[in-house]
Amino acid sequence: MQNIFSNSSLISKTGLISSASHPFQGKEVALYFAAAWCPMCANFTPHLKEFYNNNARNVEIVLISSDLSKESAEAHFLRDNGDWLSVAYGDDILDVLKARFKIWSGREASKFGHHRRSGIPSLVLITESGDELAYLNAERDGKEIFKQWENLPQENKWTC
């Protein structure tokens, strides 16, 4: 079975990873919509890092950046984010995921419009095929989303 990232470029803190080596098997996968310039993201990311560090055996996070340049996206990922993955800047799946889940920054309204579910930061737990399992509005609820996440059913693990 192909997963939603099979044709995408994902990076880890050590560099590009191939679709064959995605560390998703048996984990819950969350998309993290964020940007370096976003003050709410800067406040939330340390809480996400702590949650991830306590749950890394069961959780994988993929950053969906709203940074404004390749340089800022890469610096943001390496400097501010945890030891999770990021979609490479410029990969087509970034826009696909923002449009699918209706989550983008206000700065991206000229590209995506004004009819969004929320801004950043936000998380969406997904299936292997990219279907939504849960939406966690960190922009509104901050670190309270972790209580919501911990109370979700556990059958949403990837098998790839």
N, C-alpha and C. Protein backbone atom coordinates (compact mmCIF):
# COMPACT_ATOMS: atom_id res chain seq x y z
N MET A 1 0.84 -1.18 0.00
CA MET A 1 0.00 0.00 0.00
C MET A 1 0.88 1.25 0.00
N GLN A 2 0.60 2.19 -0.88
CA GLN A 2 1.33 3.44 -0.89
C GLN A 2 0.73 4.37 0.15
N ASN A 3 1.61 5.14 0.81
CA ASN A 3 1.08 6.12 1.73
C ASN A 3 1.05 7.49 1.07
N ILE A 4 0.44 8.43 1.71
CA ILE A 4 0.24 9.76 1.13
C ILE A 4 1.56 10.44 0.77
N PHE A 5 2.65 10.06 1.41
CA PHE A 5 3.95 10.69 1.15
C PHE A 5 4.82 9.90 0.17
N SER A 6 4.30 8.85 -0.44
CA SER A 6 5.10 7.98 -1.30
C SER A 6 5.81 8.72 -2.43
N ASN A 7 5.20 9.78 -2.95
CA ASN A 7 5.81 10.53 -4.05
C ASN A 7 6.31 11.90 -3.62
N SER A 8 6.52 12.07 -2.32
CA SER A 8 6.93 13.36 -1.78
C SER A 8 8.36 13.31 -1.26
N SER A 9 8.91 14.50 -1.07
CA SER A 9 10.25 14.63 -0.51
C SER A 9 10.13 14.98 0.96
N LEU A 10 10.49 14.04 1.81
CA LEU A 10 10.50 14.29 3.25
C LEU A 10 11.93 14.43 3.71
N ILE A 11 12.13 15.30 4.70
CA ILE A 11 13.45 15.45 5.26
C ILE A 11 13.41 15.20 6.77
N SER A 12 14.50 14.69 7.26
CA SER A 12 14.71 14.55 8.70
C SER A 12 15.80 15.53 9.08
N LYS A 13 16.15 15.58 10.33
CA LYS A 13 17.22 16.49 10.76
C LYS A 13 18.56 16.12 10.12
N THR A 14 18.69 14.88 9.64
CA THR A 14 19.94 14.45 9.01
C THR A 14 19.89 14.50 7.49
N GLY A 15 18.76 14.89 6.89
CA GLY A 15 18.69 15.03 5.44
C GLY A 15 17.48 14.36 4.83
N LEU A 16 17.48 14.26 3.50
CA LEU A 16 16.38 13.68 2.73
C LEU A 16 16.23 12.20 3.05
N ILE A 17 14.98 11.76 3.18
CA ILE A 17 14.74 10.33 3.36
C ILE A 17 13.90 9.82 2.20
N SER A 18 14.07 8.56 1.87
CA SER A 18 13.31 7.98 0.76
C SER A 18 11.97 7.48 1.26
N SER A 19 11.03 7.33 0.33
CA SER A 19 9.70 6.86 0.73
C SER A 19 9.76 5.45 1.29
N ALA A 20 10.75 4.68 0.91
CA ALA A 20 10.88 3.31 1.41
C ALA A 20 11.30 3.27 2.88
N SER A 21 11.88 4.36 3.38
CA SER A 21 12.36 4.34 4.75
C SER A 21 11.50 5.19 5.69
N HIS A 22 10.30 5.53 5.28
CA HIS A 22 9.43 6.32 6.16
C HIS A 22 9.20 5.57 7.47
N PRO A 23 9.45 6.21 8.57
CA PRO A 23 9.32 5.55 9.87
C PRO A 23 7.90 5.63 10.44
N PHE A 24 6.91 5.29 9.62
CA PHE A 24 5.52 5.45 10.03
C PHE A 24 4.88 4.17 10.57
N GLN A 25 5.44 3.04 10.25
CA GLN A 25 4.79 1.78 10.59
C GLN A 25 4.49 1.69 12.08
N GLY A 26 3.23 1.39 12.39
CA GLY A 26 2.79 1.22 13.77
C GLY A 26 2.66 2.49 14.56
N LYS A 27 2.68 3.64 13.88
CA LYS A 27 2.61 4.93 14.58
C LYS A 27 1.38 5.72 14.18
N GLU A 28 1.01 6.65 15.03
CA GLU A 28 0.03 7.66 14.69
C GLU A 28 0.80 8.76 13.97
N VAL A 29 0.25 9.27 12.88
CA VAL A 29 0.94 10.29 12.10
C VAL A 29 0.13 11.58 12.14
N ALA A 30 0.81 12.66 12.54
CA ALA A 30 0.17 13.98 12.63
C ALA A 30 0.89 14.96 11.71
N LEU A 31 0.11 15.74 10.99
CA LEU A 31 0.63 16.84 10.20
C LEU A 31 0.64 18.06 11.10
N TYR A 32 1.78 18.75 11.16
CA TYR A 32 1.91 19.95 11.98
C TYR A 32 2.04 21.15 11.06
N PHE A 33 1.00 21.97 11.01
CA PHE A 33 0.96 23.16 10.19
C PHE A 33 1.51 24.32 11.02
N ALA A 34 2.64 24.92 10.58
CA ALA A 34 3.30 25.95 11.37
C ALA A 34 4.26 26.77 10.51
N ALA A 35 4.79 27.85 11.11
CA ALA A 35 5.80 28.69 10.46
C ALA A 35 6.65 29.36 11.52
N ALA A 36 7.89 29.68 11.15
CA ALA A 36 8.82 30.31 12.08
C ALA A 36 8.38 31.71 12.49
N TRP A 37 7.79 32.46 11.59
CA TRP A 37 7.41 33.84 11.86
C TRP A 37 6.16 33.96 12.73
N CYS A 38 5.48 32.85 12.97
CA CYS A 38 4.21 32.83 13.71
C CYS A 38 4.46 32.78 15.22
N PRO A 39 4.09 33.82 15.98
CA PRO A 39 4.32 33.82 17.42
C PRO A 39 3.59 32.69 18.15
N MET A 40 2.38 32.36 17.69
CA MET A 40 1.64 31.27 18.34
C MET A 40 2.34 29.93 18.11
N CYS A 41 2.93 29.75 16.94
CA CYS A 41 3.69 28.54 16.66
C CYS A 41 4.92 28.47 17.56
N ALA A 42 5.61 29.60 17.70
CA ALA A 42 6.79 29.65 18.56
C ALA A 42 6.45 29.29 20.00
N ASN A 43 5.27 29.68 20.46
CA ASN A 43 4.84 29.33 21.81
C ASN A 43 4.41 27.88 21.93
N PHE A 44 3.81 27.34 20.87
CA PHE A 44 3.27 25.98 20.92
C PHE A 44 4.32 24.91 20.66
N THR A 45 5.26 25.15 19.76
CA THR A 45 6.21 24.12 19.35
C THR A 45 6.97 23.48 20.51
N PRO A 46 7.42 24.20 21.52
CA PRO A 46 8.09 23.52 22.64
C PRO A 46 7.19 22.50 23.35
N HIS A 47 5.90 22.76 23.42
CA HIS A 47 4.97 21.80 24.02
C HIS A 47 4.83 20.57 23.13
N LEU A 48 4.81 20.80 21.81
CA LEU A 48 4.73 19.68 20.87
C LEU A 48 6.01 18.83 20.96
N LYS A 49 7.15 19.49 21.08
CA LYS A 49 8.41 18.76 21.23
C LYS A 49 8.39 17.87 22.47
N GLU A 50 7.90 18.41 23.56
CA GLU A 50 7.82 17.62 24.80
C GLU A 50 6.89 16.42 24.63
N PHE A 51 5.72 16.66 24.02
CA PHE A 51 4.78 15.57 23.77
C PHE A 51 5.43 14.52 22.87
N TYR A 52 6.08 14.96 21.81
CA TYR A 52 6.73 14.04 20.89
C TYR A 52 7.81 13.23 21.59
N ASN A 53 8.65 13.89 22.36
CA ASN A 53 9.74 13.19 23.06
C ASN A 53 9.20 12.13 24.01
N ASN A 54 8.04 12.37 24.59
CA ASN A 54 7.42 11.39 25.50
C ASN A 54 6.67 10.29 24.77
N ASN A 55 6.42 10.47 23.46
CA ASN A 55 5.59 9.53 22.71
C ASN A 55 6.20 9.10 21.39
N ALA A 56 7.48 9.34 21.17
CA ALA A 56 8.11 9.11 19.86
C ALA A 56 8.00 7.66 19.39
N ARG A 57 7.87 6.74 20.30
CA ARG A 57 7.74 5.34 19.90
C ARG A 57 6.41 5.09 19.18
N ASN A 58 5.40 5.90 19.48
CA ASN A 58 4.06 5.69 18.94
C ASN A 58 3.59 6.79 17.99
N VAL A 59 4.36 7.86 17.85
CA VAL A 59 3.91 9.04 17.12
C VAL A 59 4.97 9.48 16.11
N GLU A 60 4.53 9.90 14.94
CA GLU A 60 5.40 10.59 14.00
C GLU A 60 4.72 11.89 13.60
N ILE A 61 5.48 12.95 13.53
CA ILE A 61 4.97 14.26 13.15
C ILE A 61 5.65 14.68 11.86
N VAL A 62 4.88 15.31 10.98
CA VAL A 62 5.41 15.83 9.72
C VAL A 62 5.05 17.31 9.64
N LEU A 63 6.08 18.15 9.59
CA LEU A 63 5.88 19.59 9.50
C LEU A 63 5.39 19.97 8.11
N ILE A 64 4.31 20.75 8.09
CA ILE A 64 3.77 21.33 6.87
C ILE A 64 4.00 22.84 7.01
N SER A 65 5.07 23.30 6.41
CA SER A 65 5.54 24.67 6.64
C SER A 65 4.75 25.72 5.87
N SER A 66 4.54 26.84 6.55
CA SER A 66 4.00 28.05 5.91
C SER A 66 5.06 29.14 5.90
N ASP A 67 6.33 28.74 5.97
CA ASP A 67 7.41 29.70 5.90
C ASP A 67 7.48 30.28 4.50
N LEU A 68 8.08 31.46 4.38
CA LEU A 68 8.00 32.24 3.15
C LEU A 68 9.12 32.00 2.16
N SER A 69 10.13 31.23 2.54
CA SER A 69 11.22 30.92 1.62
C SER A 69 11.81 29.57 2.00
N LYS A 70 12.55 29.00 1.07
CA LYS A 70 13.22 27.73 1.34
C LYS A 70 14.19 27.87 2.50
N GLU A 71 14.93 28.96 2.51
CA GLU A 71 15.91 29.18 3.57
C GLU A 71 15.25 29.29 4.94
N SER A 72 14.16 30.05 5.01
CA SER A 72 13.50 30.19 6.32
C SER A 72 12.82 28.89 6.73
N ALA A 73 12.27 28.14 5.78
CA ALA A 73 11.63 26.85 6.10
C ALA A 73 12.67 25.87 6.64
N GLU A 74 13.81 25.80 5.99
CA GLU A 74 14.85 24.87 6.44
C GLU A 74 15.41 25.28 7.80
N ALA A 75 15.65 26.57 7.99
CA ALA A 75 16.17 27.05 9.28
C ALA A 75 15.15 26.80 10.39
N HIS A 76 13.89 27.06 10.10
CA HIS A 76 12.81 26.83 11.07
C HIS A 76 12.77 25.36 11.48
N PHE A 77 12.80 24.48 10.51
CA PHE A 77 12.75 23.05 10.80
C PHE A 77 13.93 22.62 11.67
N LEU A 78 15.12 23.01 11.26
CA LEU A 78 16.32 22.57 11.97
C LEU A 78 16.46 23.22 13.35
N ARG A 79 16.09 24.48 13.47
CA ARG A 79 16.30 25.22 14.70
C ARG A 79 15.19 25.01 15.73
N ASP A 80 13.94 25.06 15.29
CA ASP A 80 12.83 25.15 16.24
C ASP A 80 12.06 23.86 16.46
N ASN A 81 12.05 22.98 15.48
CA ASN A 81 11.19 21.81 15.56
C ASN A 81 11.89 20.64 16.22
N GLY A 82 11.08 19.65 16.59
CA GLY A 82 11.61 18.45 17.24
C GLY A 82 12.26 17.53 16.23
N ASP A 83 12.58 16.35 16.68
CA ASP A 83 13.28 15.36 15.85
C ASP A 83 12.28 14.57 15.01
N TRP A 84 11.41 15.29 14.33
CA TRP A 84 10.42 14.66 13.46
C TRP A 84 10.76 14.97 12.01
N LEU A 85 9.80 14.85 11.13
CA LEU A 85 10.03 15.03 9.69
C LEU A 85 9.42 16.33 9.20
N SER A 86 9.82 16.71 7.99
CA SER A 86 9.24 17.88 7.33
C SER A 86 9.09 17.57 5.85
N VAL A 87 8.02 18.08 5.26
CA VAL A 87 7.90 18.02 3.81
C VAL A 87 8.86 19.08 3.27
N ALA A 88 9.64 18.72 2.28
CA ALA A 88 10.62 19.64 1.70
C ALA A 88 9.91 20.86 1.12
N TYR A 89 10.50 22.02 1.32
CA TYR A 89 9.94 23.27 0.81
C TYR A 89 9.78 23.15 -0.71
N GLY A 90 8.63 23.57 -1.20
CA GLY A 90 8.36 23.54 -2.63
C GLY A 90 7.72 22.26 -3.13
N ASP A 91 7.66 21.22 -2.30
CA ASP A 91 7.00 19.98 -2.71
C ASP A 91 5.51 20.26 -2.91
N ASP A 92 4.94 19.76 -3.98
CA ASP A 92 3.53 20.01 -4.31
C ASP A 92 2.57 19.57 -3.22
N ILE A 93 2.95 18.57 -2.42
CA ILE A 93 2.03 18.05 -1.41
C ILE A 93 1.74 19.09 -0.33
N LEU A 94 2.61 20.08 -0.14
CA LEU A 94 2.34 21.13 0.85
C LEU A 94 1.02 21.83 0.54
N ASP A 95 0.86 22.28 -0.70
CA ASP A 95 -0.38 22.97 -1.09
C ASP A 95 -1.56 22.02 -1.09
N VAL A 96 -1.34 20.79 -1.50
CA VAL A 96 -2.42 19.80 -1.51
C VAL A 96 -2.97 19.60 -0.10
N LEU A 97 -2.08 19.44 0.87
CA LEU A 97 -2.50 19.20 2.25
C LEU A 97 -3.15 20.43 2.87
N LYS A 98 -2.62 21.60 2.60
CA LYS A 98 -3.24 22.83 3.12
C LYS A 98 -4.66 22.98 2.58
N ALA A 99 -4.83 22.75 1.28
CA ALA A 99 -6.16 22.87 0.67
C ALA A 99 -7.10 21.77 1.17
N ARG A 100 -6.60 20.54 1.27
CA ARG A 100 -7.44 19.42 1.69
C ARG A 100 -7.99 19.62 3.10
N PHE A 101 -7.11 20.07 4.01
CA PHE A 101 -7.53 20.20 5.41
C PHE A 101 -7.95 21.62 5.77
N LYS A 102 -7.87 22.54 4.80
CA LYS A 102 -8.30 23.93 4.97
C LYS A 102 -7.58 24.61 6.13
N ILE A 103 -6.26 24.41 6.17
CA ILE A 103 -5.43 25.02 7.20
C ILE A 103 -4.27 25.72 6.50
N TRP A 104 -4.19 27.03 6.67
CA TRP A 104 -3.08 27.79 6.14
C TRP A 104 -2.97 29.08 6.94
N SER A 105 -1.83 29.73 6.82
CA SER A 105 -1.62 30.99 7.53
C SER A 105 -2.38 32.11 6.85
N GLY A 106 -2.64 33.16 7.60
CA GLY A 106 -3.29 34.33 7.01
C GLY A 106 -2.48 34.92 5.86
N ARG A 107 -1.16 34.77 5.93
CA ARG A 107 -0.30 35.27 4.86
C ARG A 107 -0.49 34.52 3.55
N GLU A 108 -1.13 33.35 3.61
CA GLU A 108 -1.35 32.54 2.41
C GLU A 108 -2.76 32.69 1.84
N ALA A 109 -3.53 33.64 2.38
CA ALA A 109 -4.91 33.82 1.93
C ALA A 109 -4.99 34.19 0.46
N SER A 110 -4.02 34.91 -0.07
CA SER A 110 -4.07 35.26 -1.49
C SER A 110 -3.94 34.02 -2.37
N LYS A 111 -3.34 32.98 -1.85
CA LYS A 111 -3.17 31.74 -2.60
C LYS A 111 -4.35 30.79 -2.40
N PHE A 112 -4.81 30.66 -1.15
CA PHE A 112 -5.83 29.65 -0.81
C PHE A 112 -7.22 30.24 -0.56
N GLY A 113 -7.31 31.54 -0.35
CA GLY A 113 -8.59 32.17 -0.06
C GLY A 113 -8.77 32.42 1.43
N HIS A 114 -9.95 32.86 1.78
CA HIS A 114 -10.25 33.23 3.16
C HIS A 114 -11.12 32.20 3.87
N HIS A 115 -11.54 31.17 3.17
CA HIS A 115 -12.44 30.18 3.75
C HIS A 115 -11.64 28.98 4.25
N ARG A 116 -11.04 29.16 5.40
CA ARG A 116 -10.23 28.10 5.99
C ARG A 116 -10.86 27.64 7.30
N ARG A 117 -10.47 26.47 7.70
CA ARG A 117 -10.89 25.90 8.96
C ARG A 117 -10.20 26.61 10.11
N SER A 118 -8.89 26.78 9.96
CA SER A 118 -8.12 27.50 10.96
C SER A 118 -6.79 27.92 10.37
N GLY A 119 -6.09 28.71 11.16
CA GLY A 119 -4.74 29.10 10.82
C GLY A 119 -3.75 28.18 11.51
N ILE A 120 -2.57 28.73 11.73
CA ILE A 120 -1.50 27.95 12.34
C ILE A 120 -1.23 28.48 13.75
N PRO A 121 -0.80 27.61 14.64
CA PRO A 121 -0.47 26.19 14.49
C PRO A 121 -1.72 25.31 14.58
N SER A 122 -1.70 24.21 13.87
CA SER A 122 -2.74 23.19 13.93
C SER A 122 -2.13 21.84 13.62
N LEU A 123 -2.79 20.79 14.09
CA LEU A 123 -2.37 19.42 13.78
C LEU A 123 -3.56 18.65 13.24
N VAL A 124 -3.27 17.72 12.32
CA VAL A 124 -4.28 16.80 11.80
C VAL A 124 -3.67 15.41 11.84
N LEU A 125 -4.32 14.49 12.53
CA LEU A 125 -3.90 13.10 12.50
C LEU A 125 -4.52 12.47 11.26
N ILE A 126 -3.71 11.69 10.52
CA ILE A 126 -4.16 11.16 9.23
C ILE A 126 -3.94 9.65 9.12
N THR A 127 -4.68 9.07 8.18
CA THR A 127 -4.48 7.67 7.80
C THR A 127 -3.37 7.62 6.77
N GLU A 128 -2.97 6.41 6.40
CA GLU A 128 -1.93 6.23 5.38
C GLU A 128 -2.31 6.88 4.05
N SER A 129 -3.58 6.84 3.71
CA SER A 129 -4.03 7.40 2.44
C SER A 129 -4.27 8.91 2.53
N GLY A 130 -4.12 9.49 3.72
CA GLY A 130 -4.28 10.92 3.87
C GLY A 130 -5.64 11.36 4.36
N ASP A 131 -6.48 10.42 4.74
CA ASP A 131 -7.78 10.80 5.29
C ASP A 131 -7.61 11.30 6.72
N GLU A 132 -8.46 12.20 7.11
CA GLU A 132 -8.39 12.79 8.44
C GLU A 132 -8.98 11.87 9.50
N LEU A 133 -8.22 11.69 10.57
CA LEU A 133 -8.70 10.96 11.73
C LEU A 133 -9.13 11.91 12.84
N ALA A 134 -8.38 12.99 13.01
CA ALA A 134 -8.70 13.97 14.05
C ALA A 134 -8.04 15.30 13.71
N TYR A 135 -8.73 16.35 14.06
CA TYR A 135 -8.24 17.71 13.88
C TYR A 135 -8.01 18.30 15.26
N LEU A 136 -6.83 18.83 15.50
CA LEU A 136 -6.46 19.40 16.79
C LEU A 136 -6.07 20.86 16.58
N ASN A 137 -6.92 21.77 17.03
CA ASN A 137 -6.76 23.19 16.76
C ASN A 137 -5.85 23.83 17.82
N ALA A 138 -4.56 23.77 17.59
CA ALA A 138 -3.60 24.36 18.52
C ALA A 138 -3.64 25.88 18.48
N GLU A 139 -4.09 26.46 17.38
CA GLU A 139 -4.22 27.92 17.31
C GLU A 139 -5.22 28.38 18.37
N ARG A 140 -6.30 27.65 18.53
CA ARG A 140 -7.34 28.01 19.49
C ARG A 140 -7.08 27.44 20.88
N ASP A 141 -6.67 26.16 20.94
CA ASP A 141 -6.64 25.44 22.22
C ASP A 141 -5.24 25.29 22.83
N GLY A 142 -4.20 25.64 22.09
CA GLY A 142 -2.85 25.53 22.62
C GLY A 142 -2.53 24.11 23.07
N LYS A 143 -1.81 24.00 24.19
CA LYS A 143 -1.35 22.69 24.65
C LYS A 143 -2.47 21.80 25.18
N GLU A 144 -3.68 22.32 25.28
CA GLU A 144 -4.82 21.48 25.69
C GLU A 144 -5.14 20.40 24.65
N ILE A 145 -4.64 20.57 23.43
CA ILE A 145 -4.92 19.57 22.39
C ILE A 145 -4.32 18.21 22.74
N PHE A 146 -3.29 18.19 23.58
CA PHE A 146 -2.65 16.92 23.91
C PHE A 146 -3.58 16.02 24.72
N LYS A 147 -4.44 16.61 25.52
CA LYS A 147 -5.46 15.82 26.23
C LYS A 147 -6.42 15.19 25.22
N GLN A 148 -6.80 15.97 24.22
CA GLN A 148 -7.68 15.46 23.16
C GLN A 148 -7.00 14.31 22.43
N TRP A 149 -5.75 14.51 22.07
CA TRP A 149 -4.99 13.50 21.31
C TRP A 149 -4.89 12.21 22.12
N GLU A 150 -4.55 12.32 23.39
CA GLU A 150 -4.38 11.13 24.23
C GLU A 150 -5.69 10.36 24.42
N ASN A 151 -6.82 11.02 24.24
CA ASN A 151 -8.12 10.36 24.42
C ASN A 151 -8.70 9.80 23.12
N LEU A 152 -7.95 9.89 22.03
CA LEU A 152 -8.43 9.34 20.76
C LEU A 152 -8.30 7.82 20.75
N PRO A 153 -9.15 7.13 19.98
CA PRO A 153 -9.00 5.67 19.84
C PRO A 153 -7.63 5.32 19.28
N GLN A 154 -7.11 4.20 19.67
CA GLN A 154 -5.75 3.79 19.28
C GLN A 154 -5.69 2.99 17.99
N GLU A 155 -6.78 2.81 17.27
CA GLU A 155 -6.75 2.00 16.05
C GLU A 155 -6.25 2.76 14.84
N ASN A 156 -5.72 3.93 15.02
CA ASN A 156 -5.29 4.73 13.88
C ASN A 156 -3.79 4.61 13.61
N LYS A 157 -3.21 3.45 13.79
CA LYS A 157 -1.79 3.21 13.53
C LYS A 157 -1.59 2.85 12.05
N TRP A 158 -0.47 3.31 11.49
CA TRP A 158 -0.14 2.99 10.11
C TRP A 158 0.43 1.59 10.02
N THR A 159 0.22 0.94 8.87
CA THR A 159 0.72 -0.42 8.68
C THR A 159 1.82 -0.51 7.62
N CYS A 160 2.08 0.57 6.89
CA CYS A 160 3.05 0.51 5.79
C CYS A 160 4.45 0.18 6.28
